[in-house]
Full PDB file with SEQRES, HELIX, SHEET, SSBOND, CRYST1, ORIGX, SCALE, CONECT and MASTER records, all heavy atoms in Angstrom:
SEQRES   1 A   38  LEU ALA ALA PRO LYS PRO ILE ARG VAL MET GLU THR PRO          
SEQRES   2 A   38  MET VAL PHE ARG GLU ARG LEU HIS GLY GLU SER LYS LEU          
SEQRES   3 A   38  GLY PRO TYR VAL MET ILE GLU PHE ILE LEU MET VAL              
HELIX    1 AA1 PRO A   28  MET A   37  1                                  10    
CRYST1    1.000    1.000    1.000  90.00  90.00  90.00 P 1           1          
ORIGX1      1.000000  0.000000  0.000000        0.00000                         
ORIGX2      0.000000  1.000000  0.000000        0.00000                         
ORIGX3      0.000000  0.000000  1.000000        0.00000                         
SCALE1      1.000000  0.000000  0.000000        0.00000                         
SCALE2      0.000000  1.000000  0.000000        0.00000                         
SCALE3      0.000000  0.000000  1.000000        0.00000                         
ATOM      1  N   LEU A   1       4.424 -37.236  50.290  1.00  0.00           N  
ATOM      2  CA  LEU A   1       5.378 -37.436  51.322  1.00  0.00           C  
ATOM      3  C   LEU A   1       6.811 -37.311  50.704  1.00  0.00           C  
ATOM      4  O   LEU A   1       7.758 -36.916  51.419  1.00  0.00           O  
ATOM      5  CB  LEU A   1       5.184 -38.753  51.971  1.00  0.00           C  
ATOM      6  CG  LEU A   1       3.941 -38.892  52.858  1.00  0.00           C  
ATOM      7  CD1 LEU A   1       3.750 -40.325  53.374  1.00  0.00           C  
ATOM      8  CD2 LEU A   1       3.924 -37.865  53.925  1.00  0.00           C  
ATOM      9  N   ALA A   2       6.965 -37.664  49.400  1.00  0.00           N  
ATOM     10  CA  ALA A   2       8.259 -37.725  48.800  1.00  0.00           C  
ATOM     11  C   ALA A   2       8.620 -36.387  48.181  1.00  0.00           C  
ATOM     12  O   ALA A   2       9.822 -36.144  47.931  1.00  0.00           O  
ATOM     13  CB  ALA A   2       8.295 -38.841  47.719  1.00  0.00           C  
ATOM     14  N   ALA A   3       7.658 -35.508  47.878  1.00  0.00           N  
ATOM     15  CA  ALA A   3       7.876 -34.277  47.183  1.00  0.00           C  
ATOM     16  C   ALA A   3       8.702 -33.305  48.032  1.00  0.00           C  
ATOM     17  O   ALA A   3       8.592 -33.281  49.283  1.00  0.00           O  
ATOM     18  CB  ALA A   3       6.564 -33.601  46.834  1.00  0.00           C  
ATOM     19  N   PRO A   4       9.612 -32.512  47.415  1.00  0.00           N  
ATOM     20  CA  PRO A   4      10.299 -31.451  48.156  1.00  0.00           C  
ATOM     21  C   PRO A   4       9.353 -30.456  48.782  1.00  0.00           C  
ATOM     22  O   PRO A   4       8.275 -30.123  48.174  1.00  0.00           O  
ATOM     23  CB  PRO A   4      11.134 -30.810  47.020  1.00  0.00           C  
ATOM     24  CG  PRO A   4      11.166 -31.748  45.941  1.00  0.00           C  
ATOM     25  CD  PRO A   4       9.943 -32.525  45.980  1.00  0.00           C  
ATOM     26  N   LYS A   5       9.706 -30.032  49.992  1.00  0.00           N  
ATOM     27  CA  LYS A   5       8.811 -29.076  50.677  1.00  0.00           C  
ATOM     28  C   LYS A   5       9.401 -27.651  50.548  1.00  0.00           C  
ATOM     29  O   LYS A   5      10.612 -27.472  50.361  1.00  0.00           O  
ATOM     30  CB  LYS A   5       8.764 -29.425  52.178  1.00  0.00           C  
ATOM     31  CG  LYS A   5       8.370 -30.958  52.400  1.00  0.00           C  
ATOM     32  CD  LYS A   5       7.062 -31.327  51.859  1.00  0.00           C  
ATOM     33  CE  LYS A   5       6.641 -32.724  52.169  1.00  0.00           C  
ATOM     34  NZ  LYS A   5       7.494 -33.842  51.564  1.00  0.00           N  
ATOM     35  N   PRO A   6       8.513 -26.643  50.551  1.00  0.00           N  
ATOM     36  CA  PRO A   6       7.051 -26.785  50.718  1.00  0.00           C  
ATOM     37  C   PRO A   6       6.388 -27.119  49.442  1.00  0.00           C  
ATOM     38  O   PRO A   6       6.874 -26.909  48.302  1.00  0.00           O  
ATOM     39  CB  PRO A   6       6.650 -25.319  51.146  1.00  0.00           C  
ATOM     40  CG  PRO A   6       7.708 -24.449  50.536  1.00  0.00           C  
ATOM     41  CD  PRO A   6       8.992 -25.272  50.498  1.00  0.00           C  
ATOM     42  N   ILE A   7       5.148 -27.691  49.519  1.00  0.00           N  
ATOM     43  CA  ILE A   7       4.345 -28.033  48.355  1.00  0.00           C  
ATOM     44  C   ILE A   7       3.211 -27.049  48.281  1.00  0.00           C  
ATOM     45  O   ILE A   7       2.535 -26.791  49.254  1.00  0.00           O  
ATOM     46  CB  ILE A   7       3.784 -29.469  48.464  1.00  0.00           C  
ATOM     47  CG1 ILE A   7       4.865 -30.486  48.764  1.00  0.00           C  
ATOM     48  CG2 ILE A   7       3.051 -29.865  47.157  1.00  0.00           C  
ATOM     49  CD1 ILE A   7       4.399 -31.829  49.128  1.00  0.00           C  
ATOM     50  N   ARG A   8       3.002 -26.509  47.064  1.00  0.00           N  
ATOM     51  CA  ARG A   8       1.821 -25.594  46.835  1.00  0.00           C  
ATOM     52  C   ARG A   8       0.664 -26.554  46.478  1.00  0.00           C  
ATOM     53  O   ARG A   8       0.595 -27.071  45.370  1.00  0.00           O  
ATOM     54  CB  ARG A   8       2.063 -24.606  45.744  1.00  0.00           C  
ATOM     55  CG  ARG A   8       3.238 -23.579  46.055  1.00  0.00           C  
ATOM     56  CD  ARG A   8       3.325 -22.640  44.930  1.00  0.00           C  
ATOM     57  NE  ARG A   8       3.594 -23.295  43.664  1.00  0.00           N  
ATOM     58  CZ  ARG A   8       3.252 -22.745  42.464  1.00  0.00           C  
ATOM     59  NH1 ARG A   8       2.626 -21.485  42.379  1.00  0.00           N  
ATOM     60  NH2 ARG A   8       3.543 -23.364  41.393  1.00  0.00           N  
ATOM     61  N   VAL A   9      -0.297 -26.734  47.431  1.00  0.00           N  
ATOM     62  CA  VAL A   9      -1.341 -27.604  47.331  1.00  0.00           C  
ATOM     63  C   VAL A   9      -2.714 -26.941  47.282  1.00  0.00           C  
ATOM     64  O   VAL A   9      -2.878 -25.997  48.046  1.00  0.00           O  
ATOM     65  CB  VAL A   9      -1.380 -28.688  48.486  1.00  0.00           C  
ATOM     66  CG1 VAL A   9      -2.492 -29.691  48.284  1.00  0.00           C  
ATOM     67  CG2 VAL A   9      -0.086 -29.472  48.499  1.00  0.00           C  
ATOM     68  N   MET A  10      -3.600 -27.344  46.433  1.00  0.00           N  
ATOM     69  CA  MET A  10      -4.979 -26.937  46.467  1.00  0.00           C  
ATOM     70  C   MET A  10      -5.885 -28.143  46.578  1.00  0.00           C  
ATOM     71  O   MET A  10      -5.537 -29.212  46.132  1.00  0.00           O  
ATOM     72  CB  MET A  10      -5.345 -26.103  45.215  1.00  0.00           C  
ATOM     73  CG  MET A  10      -4.725 -24.690  45.147  1.00  0.00           C  
ATOM     74  SD  MET A  10      -5.252 -23.805  43.665  1.00  0.00           S  
ATOM     75  CE  MET A  10      -7.063 -23.743  43.867  1.00  0.00           C  
ATOM     76  N   GLU A  11      -7.121 -27.915  47.075  1.00  0.00           N  
ATOM     77  CA  GLU A  11      -8.067 -28.942  47.108  1.00  0.00           C  
ATOM     78  C   GLU A  11      -9.399 -28.410  46.545  1.00  0.00           C  
ATOM     79  O   GLU A  11      -9.731 -27.229  46.697  1.00  0.00           O  
ATOM     80  CB  GLU A  11      -8.355 -29.446  48.521  1.00  0.00           C  
ATOM     81  CG  GLU A  11      -7.184 -30.268  49.080  1.00  0.00           C  
ATOM     82  CD  GLU A  11      -7.475 -30.777  50.392  1.00  0.00           C  
ATOM     83  OE1 GLU A  11      -8.039 -31.934  50.543  1.00  0.00           O  
ATOM     84  OE2 GLU A  11      -7.090 -30.121  51.484  1.00  0.00           O  
ATOM     85  N   THR A  12     -10.079 -29.224  45.821  1.00  0.00           N  
ATOM     86  CA  THR A  12     -11.466 -28.843  45.250  1.00  0.00           C  
ATOM     87  C   THR A  12     -12.422 -29.976  45.752  1.00  0.00           C  
ATOM     88  O   THR A  12     -12.038 -31.144  45.752  1.00  0.00           O  
ATOM     89  CB  THR A  12     -11.449 -28.754  43.736  1.00  0.00           C  
ATOM     90  OG1 THR A  12     -12.649 -28.288  43.298  1.00  0.00           O  
ATOM     91  CG2 THR A  12     -11.108 -30.055  43.014  1.00  0.00           C  
ATOM     92  N   PRO A  13     -13.642 -29.626  46.098  1.00  0.00           N  
ATOM     93  CA  PRO A  13     -14.561 -30.589  46.588  1.00  0.00           C  
ATOM     94  C   PRO A  13     -14.958 -31.590  45.582  1.00  0.00           C  
ATOM     95  O   PRO A  13     -15.153 -31.310  44.419  1.00  0.00           O  
ATOM     96  CB  PRO A  13     -15.758 -29.798  47.089  1.00  0.00           C  
ATOM     97  CG  PRO A  13     -15.616 -28.468  46.371  1.00  0.00           C  
ATOM     98  CD  PRO A  13     -14.190 -28.192  46.140  1.00  0.00           C  
ATOM     99  N   MET A  14     -15.098 -32.819  46.099  1.00  0.00           N  
ATOM    100  CA  MET A  14     -15.552 -33.949  45.192  1.00  0.00           C  
ATOM    101  C   MET A  14     -16.617 -34.841  45.912  1.00  0.00           C  
ATOM    102  O   MET A  14     -16.470 -35.143  47.067  1.00  0.00           O  
ATOM    103  CB  MET A  14     -14.400 -34.847  44.783  1.00  0.00           C  
ATOM    104  CG  MET A  14     -14.935 -36.098  43.997  1.00  0.00           C  
ATOM    105  SD  MET A  14     -13.495 -37.304  43.618  1.00  0.00           S  
ATOM    106  CE  MET A  14     -13.039 -37.866  45.204  1.00  0.00           C  
ATOM    107  N   VAL A  15     -17.704 -35.100  45.200  1.00  0.00           N  
ATOM    108  CA  VAL A  15     -18.636 -36.075  45.729  1.00  0.00           C  
ATOM    109  C   VAL A  15     -18.245 -37.419  45.187  1.00  0.00           C  
ATOM    110  O   VAL A  15     -18.236 -37.695  43.962  1.00  0.00           O  
ATOM    111  CB  VAL A  15     -20.075 -35.725  45.291  1.00  0.00           C  
ATOM    112  CG1 VAL A  15     -21.057 -36.746  45.711  1.00  0.00           C  
ATOM    113  CG2 VAL A  15     -20.473 -34.348  45.773  1.00  0.00           C  
ATOM    114  N   PHE A  16     -17.905 -38.350  46.071  1.00  0.00           N  
ATOM    115  CA  PHE A  16     -17.524 -39.651  45.801  1.00  0.00           C  
ATOM    116  C   PHE A  16     -18.664 -40.528  45.422  1.00  0.00           C  
ATOM    117  O   PHE A  16     -19.569 -40.808  46.327  1.00  0.00           O  
ATOM    118  CB  PHE A  16     -16.678 -40.273  46.848  1.00  0.00           C  
ATOM    119  CG  PHE A  16     -15.881 -41.523  46.511  1.00  0.00           C  
ATOM    120  CD1 PHE A  16     -14.803 -41.500  45.615  1.00  0.00           C  
ATOM    121  CD2 PHE A  16     -16.255 -42.700  47.085  1.00  0.00           C  
ATOM    122  CE1 PHE A  16     -14.132 -42.648  45.338  1.00  0.00           C  
ATOM    123  CE2 PHE A  16     -15.523 -43.910  46.786  1.00  0.00           C  
ATOM    124  CZ  PHE A  16     -14.462 -43.823  45.866  1.00  0.00           C  
ATOM    125  N   ARG A  17     -18.834 -41.097  44.168  1.00  0.00           N  
ATOM    126  CA  ARG A  17     -20.071 -41.759  43.789  1.00  0.00           C  
ATOM    127  C   ARG A  17     -19.998 -43.232  44.018  1.00  0.00           C  
ATOM    128  O   ARG A  17     -18.942 -43.785  44.274  1.00  0.00           O  
ATOM    129  CB  ARG A  17     -20.244 -41.508  42.268  1.00  0.00           C  
ATOM    130  CG  ARG A  17     -20.448 -40.031  41.929  1.00  0.00           C  
ATOM    131  CD  ARG A  17     -20.768 -39.857  40.479  1.00  0.00           C  
ATOM    132  NE  ARG A  17     -19.670 -40.152  39.631  1.00  0.00           N  
ATOM    133  CZ  ARG A  17     -19.329 -39.378  38.552  1.00  0.00           C  
ATOM    134  NH1 ARG A  17     -19.855 -38.236  38.298  1.00  0.00           N  
ATOM    135  NH2 ARG A  17     -18.333 -39.799  37.801  1.00  0.00           N  
ATOM    136  N   GLU A  18     -21.109 -43.901  44.025  1.00  0.00           N  
ATOM    137  CA  GLU A  18     -21.152 -45.373  44.190  1.00  0.00           C  
ATOM    138  C   GLU A  18     -20.664 -46.107  42.903  1.00  0.00           C  
ATOM    139  O   GLU A  18     -20.862 -45.639  41.850  1.00  0.00           O  
ATOM    140  CB  GLU A  18     -22.551 -45.845  44.508  1.00  0.00           C  
ATOM    141  CG  GLU A  18     -23.086 -45.388  45.830  1.00  0.00           C  
ATOM    142  CD  GLU A  18     -24.497 -45.930  46.199  1.00  0.00           C  
ATOM    143  OE1 GLU A  18     -24.906 -46.779  45.414  1.00  0.00           O  
ATOM    144  OE2 GLU A  18     -25.056 -45.495  47.171  1.00  0.00           O  
ATOM    145  N   ARG A  19     -20.030 -47.193  43.122  1.00  0.00           N  
ATOM    146  CA  ARG A  19     -19.508 -48.000  42.021  1.00  0.00           C  
ATOM    147  C   ARG A  19     -20.738 -48.707  41.380  1.00  0.00           C  
ATOM    148  O   ARG A  19     -21.560 -49.289  42.022  1.00  0.00           O  
ATOM    149  CB  ARG A  19     -18.582 -49.045  42.516  1.00  0.00           C  
ATOM    150  CG  ARG A  19     -18.106 -50.085  41.455  1.00  0.00           C  
ATOM    151  CD  ARG A  19     -17.187 -51.118  42.030  1.00  0.00           C  
ATOM    152  NE  ARG A  19     -15.803 -50.610  41.989  1.00  0.00           N  
ATOM    153  CZ  ARG A  19     -14.989 -50.864  40.981  1.00  0.00           C  
ATOM    154  NH1 ARG A  19     -15.423 -51.442  39.903  1.00  0.00           N  
ATOM    155  NH2 ARG A  19     -13.710 -50.473  40.999  1.00  0.00           N  
ATOM    156  N   LEU A  20     -20.792 -48.642  40.045  1.00  0.00           N  
ATOM    157  CA  LEU A  20     -21.860 -49.299  39.315  1.00  0.00           C  
ATOM    158  C   LEU A  20     -21.511 -50.665  38.708  1.00  0.00           C  
ATOM    159  O   LEU A  20     -22.356 -51.571  38.670  1.00  0.00           O  
ATOM    160  CB  LEU A  20     -22.356 -48.359  38.169  1.00  0.00           C  
ATOM    161  CG  LEU A  20     -22.934 -46.991  38.537  1.00  0.00           C  
ATOM    162  CD1 LEU A  20     -23.290 -46.227  37.295  1.00  0.00           C  
ATOM    163  CD2 LEU A  20     -24.069 -47.137  39.475  1.00  0.00           C  
ATOM    164  N   HIS A  21     -20.232 -50.783  38.315  1.00  0.00           N  
ATOM    165  CA  HIS A  21     -19.809 -52.035  37.694  1.00  0.00           C  
ATOM    166  C   HIS A  21     -18.468 -52.501  38.350  1.00  0.00           C  
ATOM    167  O   HIS A  21     -17.698 -51.621  38.843  1.00  0.00           O  
ATOM    168  CB  HIS A  21     -19.609 -51.834  36.207  1.00  0.00           C  
ATOM    169  CG  HIS A  21     -20.752 -51.352  35.456  1.00  0.00           C  
ATOM    170  ND1 HIS A  21     -21.857 -52.074  35.174  1.00  0.00           N  
ATOM    171  CD2 HIS A  21     -20.963 -50.100  34.960  1.00  0.00           C  
ATOM    172  CE1 HIS A  21     -22.764 -51.311  34.556  1.00  0.00           C  
ATOM    173  NE2 HIS A  21     -22.265 -50.195  34.361  1.00  0.00           N  
ATOM    174  N   GLY A  22     -18.230 -53.761  38.317  1.00  0.00           N  
ATOM    175  CA  GLY A  22     -16.931 -54.271  38.824  1.00  0.00           C  
ATOM    176  C   GLY A  22     -16.884 -54.297  40.365  1.00  0.00           C  
ATOM    177  O   GLY A  22     -17.876 -54.118  41.017  1.00  0.00           O  
ATOM    178  N   GLU A  23     -15.718 -54.617  40.869  1.00  0.00           N  
ATOM    179  CA  GLU A  23     -15.500 -54.742  42.332  1.00  0.00           C  
ATOM    180  C   GLU A  23     -14.378 -53.913  42.787  1.00  0.00           C  
ATOM    181  O   GLU A  23     -13.431 -53.574  42.049  1.00  0.00           O  
ATOM    182  CB  GLU A  23     -15.193 -56.267  42.633  1.00  0.00           C  
ATOM    183  CG  GLU A  23     -16.361 -57.170  42.320  1.00  0.00           C  
ATOM    184  CD  GLU A  23     -15.987 -58.652  42.636  1.00  0.00           C  
ATOM    185  OE1 GLU A  23     -14.928 -58.863  43.032  1.00  0.00           O  
ATOM    186  OE2 GLU A  23     -16.858 -59.541  42.487  1.00  0.00           O  
ATOM    187  N   SER A  24     -14.420 -53.479  44.077  1.00  0.00           N  
ATOM    188  CA  SER A  24     -13.340 -52.733  44.669  1.00  0.00           C  
ATOM    189  C   SER A  24     -12.024 -53.530  44.628  1.00  0.00           C  
ATOM    190  O   SER A  24     -12.055 -54.740  44.841  1.00  0.00           O  
ATOM    191  CB  SER A  24     -13.763 -52.382  46.076  1.00  0.00           C  
ATOM    192  OG  SER A  24     -12.655 -51.794  46.739  1.00  0.00           O  
ATOM    193  N   LYS A  25     -10.985 -52.798  44.461  1.00  0.00           N  
ATOM    194  CA  LYS A  25      -9.603 -53.502  44.446  1.00  0.00           C  
ATOM    195  C   LYS A  25      -9.025 -53.417  45.880  1.00  0.00           C  
ATOM    196  O   LYS A  25      -7.902 -53.918  46.107  1.00  0.00           O  
ATOM    197  CB  LYS A  25      -8.650 -52.703  43.563  1.00  0.00           C  
ATOM    198  CG  LYS A  25      -9.189 -52.430  42.194  1.00  0.00           C  
ATOM    199  CD  LYS A  25      -9.620 -53.728  41.437  1.00  0.00           C  
ATOM    200  CE  LYS A  25     -10.028 -53.412  39.980  1.00  0.00           C  
ATOM    201  NZ  LYS A  25     -11.176 -52.632  39.835  1.00  0.00           N  
ATOM    202  N   LEU A  26      -9.752 -52.935  46.895  1.00  0.00           N  
ATOM    203  CA  LEU A  26      -9.298 -52.856  48.260  1.00  0.00           C  
ATOM    204  C   LEU A  26      -9.354 -54.196  49.007  1.00  0.00           C  
ATOM    205  O   LEU A  26     -10.430 -54.595  49.360  1.00  0.00           O  
ATOM    206  CB  LEU A  26     -10.052 -51.816  49.037  1.00  0.00           C  
ATOM    207  CG  LEU A  26      -9.512 -51.507  50.435  1.00  0.00           C  
ATOM    208  CD1 LEU A  26      -8.091 -50.928  50.336  1.00  0.00           C  
ATOM    209  CD2 LEU A  26     -10.459 -50.490  51.137  1.00  0.00           C  
ATOM    210  N   GLY A  27      -8.232 -54.910  49.040  1.00  0.00           N  
ATOM    211  CA  GLY A  27      -8.197 -56.147  49.641  1.00  0.00           C  
ATOM    212  C   GLY A  27      -6.978 -56.284  50.630  1.00  0.00           C  
ATOM    213  O   GLY A  27      -6.278 -55.344  50.825  1.00  0.00           O  
ATOM    214  N   PRO A  28      -6.852 -57.417  51.242  1.00  0.00           N  
ATOM    215  CA  PRO A  28      -5.743 -57.650  52.266  1.00  0.00           C  
ATOM    216  C   PRO A  28      -4.401 -57.259  51.716  1.00  0.00           C  
ATOM    217  O   PRO A  28      -3.592 -56.629  52.433  1.00  0.00           O  
ATOM    218  CB  PRO A  28      -5.811 -59.096  52.582  1.00  0.00           C  
ATOM    219  CG  PRO A  28      -7.232 -59.478  52.255  1.00  0.00           C  
ATOM    220  CD  PRO A  28      -7.603 -58.638  51.010  1.00  0.00           C  
ATOM    221  N   TYR A  29      -4.034 -57.643  50.420  1.00  0.00           N  
ATOM    222  CA  TYR A  29      -2.781 -57.356  49.939  1.00  0.00           C  
ATOM    223  C   TYR A  29      -2.529 -55.883  49.808  1.00  0.00           C  
ATOM    224  O   TYR A  29      -1.403 -55.323  50.067  1.00  0.00           O  
ATOM    225  CB  TYR A  29      -2.543 -58.013  48.504  1.00  0.00           C  
ATOM    226  CG  TYR A  29      -1.279 -57.663  47.894  1.00  0.00           C  
ATOM    227  CD1 TYR A  29      -0.109 -58.299  48.255  1.00  0.00           C  
ATOM    228  CD2 TYR A  29      -1.250 -56.744  46.833  1.00  0.00           C  
ATOM    229  CE1 TYR A  29       1.141 -57.947  47.639  1.00  0.00           C  
ATOM    230  CE2 TYR A  29      -0.016 -56.431  46.242  1.00  0.00           C  
ATOM    231  CZ  TYR A  29       1.078 -57.042  46.628  1.00  0.00           C  
ATOM    232  OH  TYR A  29       2.303 -56.670  46.051  1.00  0.00           O  
ATOM    233  N   VAL A  30      -3.564 -55.174  49.341  1.00  0.00           N  
ATOM    234  CA  VAL A  30      -3.438 -53.668  49.268  1.00  0.00           C  
ATOM    235  C   VAL A  30      -3.180 -53.025  50.557  1.00  0.00           C  
ATOM    236  O   VAL A  30      -2.367 -52.120  50.691  1.00  0.00           O  
ATOM    237  CB  VAL A  30      -4.773 -53.138  48.588  1.00  0.00           C  
ATOM    238  CG1 VAL A  30      -4.849 -51.628  48.746  1.00  0.00           C  
ATOM    239  CG2 VAL A  30      -4.818 -53.531  47.117  1.00  0.00           C  
ATOM    240  N   MET A  31      -3.925 -53.508  51.633  1.00  0.00           N  
ATOM    241  CA  MET A  31      -3.704 -52.951  52.953  1.00  0.00           C  
ATOM    242  C   MET A  31      -2.324 -53.247  53.510  1.00  0.00           C  
ATOM    243  O   MET A  31      -1.737 -52.425  54.227  1.00  0.00           O  
ATOM    244  CB  MET A  31      -4.842 -53.456  53.880  1.00  0.00           C  
ATOM    245  CG  MET A  31      -6.200 -52.964  53.571  1.00  0.00           C  
ATOM    246  SD  MET A  31      -6.235 -51.171  53.216  1.00  0.00           S  
ATOM    247  CE  MET A  31      -5.609 -50.491  54.789  1.00  0.00           C  
ATOM    248  N   ILE A  32      -1.746 -54.395  53.228  1.00  0.00           N  
ATOM    249  CA  ILE A  32      -0.402 -54.711  53.601  1.00  0.00           C  
ATOM    250  C   ILE A  32       0.532 -53.793  52.960  1.00  0.00           C  
ATOM    251  O   ILE A  32       1.495 -53.200  53.623  1.00  0.00           O  
ATOM    252  CB  ILE A  32      -0.069 -56.185  53.274  1.00  0.00           C  
ATOM    253  CG1 ILE A  32      -0.814 -57.142  54.139  1.00  0.00           C  
ATOM    254  CG2 ILE A  32       1.432 -56.461  53.440  1.00  0.00           C  
ATOM    255  CD1 ILE A  32      -0.760 -58.609  53.740  1.00  0.00           C  
ATOM    256  N   GLU A  33       0.384 -53.499  51.692  1.00  0.00           N  
ATOM    257  CA  GLU A  33       1.245 -52.547  50.973  1.00  0.00           C  
ATOM    258  C   GLU A  33       1.230 -51.146  51.604  1.00  0.00           C  
ATOM    259  O   GLU A  33       2.115 -50.443  51.761  1.00  0.00           O  
ATOM    260  CB  GLU A  33       0.916 -52.491  49.495  1.00  0.00           C  
ATOM    261  CG  GLU A  33       1.396 -53.697  48.723  1.00  0.00           C  
ATOM    262  CD  GLU A  33       2.878 -53.774  48.484  1.00  0.00           C  
ATOM    263  OE1 GLU A  33       3.531 -52.768  48.842  1.00  0.00           O  
ATOM    264  OE2 GLU A  33       3.353 -54.732  47.960  1.00  0.00           O  
ATOM    265  N   PHE A  34      -0.071 -50.731  51.996  1.00  0.00           N  
ATOM    266  CA  PHE A  34      -0.219 -49.456  52.597  1.00  0.00           C  
ATOM    267  C   PHE A  34       0.545 -49.369  53.957  1.00  0.00           C  
ATOM    268  O   PHE A  34       1.196 -48.414  54.223  1.00  0.00           O  
ATOM    269  CB  PHE A  34      -1.737 -49.204  52.816  1.00  0.00           C  
ATOM    270  CG  PHE A  34      -1.990 -47.898  53.572  1.00  0.00           C  
ATOM    271  CD1 PHE A  34      -1.804 -46.709  53.002  1.00  0.00           C  
ATOM    272  CD2 PHE A  34      -2.420 -47.956  54.931  1.00  0.00           C  
ATOM    273  CE1 PHE A  34      -2.062 -45.512  53.674  1.00  0.00           C  
ATOM    274  CE2 PHE A  34      -2.667 -46.808  55.584  1.00  0.00           C  
ATOM    275  CZ  PHE A  34      -2.521 -45.614  54.986  1.00  0.00           C  
ATOM    276  N   ILE A  35       0.418 -50.418  54.729  1.00  0.00           N  
ATOM    277  CA  ILE A  35       1.073 -50.472  56.058  1.00  0.00           C  
ATOM    278  C   ILE A  35       2.578 -50.437  55.872  1.00  0.00           C  
ATOM    279  O   ILE A  35       3.291 -49.710  56.598  1.00  0.00           O  
ATOM    280  CB  ILE A  35       0.690 -51.717  56.827  1.00  0.00           C  
ATOM    281  CG1 ILE A  35      -0.832 -51.607  57.259  1.00  0.00           C  
ATOM    282  CG2 ILE A  35       1.518 -51.901  58.115  1.00  0.00           C  
ATOM    283  CD1 ILE A  35      -1.429 -52.929  57.766  1.00  0.00           C  
ATOM    284  N   LEU A  36       3.125 -51.141  54.905  1.00  0.00           N  
ATOM    285  CA  LEU A  36       4.512 -51.156  54.601  1.00  0.00           C  
ATOM    286  C   LEU A  36       5.016 -49.719  54.255  1.00  0.00           C  
ATOM    287  O   LEU A  36       6.101 -49.291  54.613  1.00  0.00           O  
ATOM    288  CB  LEU A  36       4.904 -52.168  53.533  1.00  0.00           C  
ATOM    289  CG  LEU A  36       4.754 -53.610  53.917  1.00  0.00           C  
ATOM    290  CD1 LEU A  36       5.021 -54.495  52.714  1.00  0.00           C  
ATOM    291  CD2 LEU A  36       5.776 -53.939  55.008  1.00  0.00           C  
ATOM    292  N   MET A  37       4.210 -49.031  53.414  1.00  0.00           N  
ATOM    293  CA  MET A  37       4.526 -47.678  52.976  1.00  0.00           C  
ATOM    294  C   MET A  37       4.583 -46.764  54.202  1.00  0.00           C  
ATOM    295  O   MET A  37       5.507 -45.893  54.342  1.00  0.00           O  
ATOM    296  CB  MET A  37       3.544 -47.191  51.943  1.00  0.00           C  
ATOM    297  CG  MET A  37       3.890 -45.729  51.466  1.00  0.00           C  
ATOM    298  SD  MET A  37       2.761 -45.108  50.198  1.00  0.00           S  
ATOM    299  CE  MET A  37       1.306 -44.934  51.147  1.00  0.00           C  
ATOM    300  N   VAL A  38       3.674 -46.859  55.082  1.00  0.00           N  
ATOM    301  CA  VAL A  38       3.604 -46.070  56.220  1.00  0.00           C  
ATOM    302  C   VAL A  38       4.873 -46.310  57.126  1.00  0.00           C  
ATOM    303  O   VAL A  38       5.499 -45.348  57.610  1.00  0.00           O  
ATOM    304  CB  VAL A  38       2.307 -46.341  57.089  1.00  0.00           C  
ATOM    305  CG1 VAL A  38       2.376 -45.690  58.517  1.00  0.00           C  
ATOM    306  CG2 VAL A  38       1.052 -45.825  56.347  1.00  0.00           C  
TER     307      VAL A  38                                                      
MASTER        0    0    0    1    0    0    0    6  306    1    0    3          
END                                                                             
């Protein structure tokens, strides 16, 4: 969103794997920050 336009973008497919160790960092604080950025 911040980069000068136009942006030359490519995408390559990724299979998103299951987490084996630890815990997700996605919590209420993270979502509040996301909403503020939006």
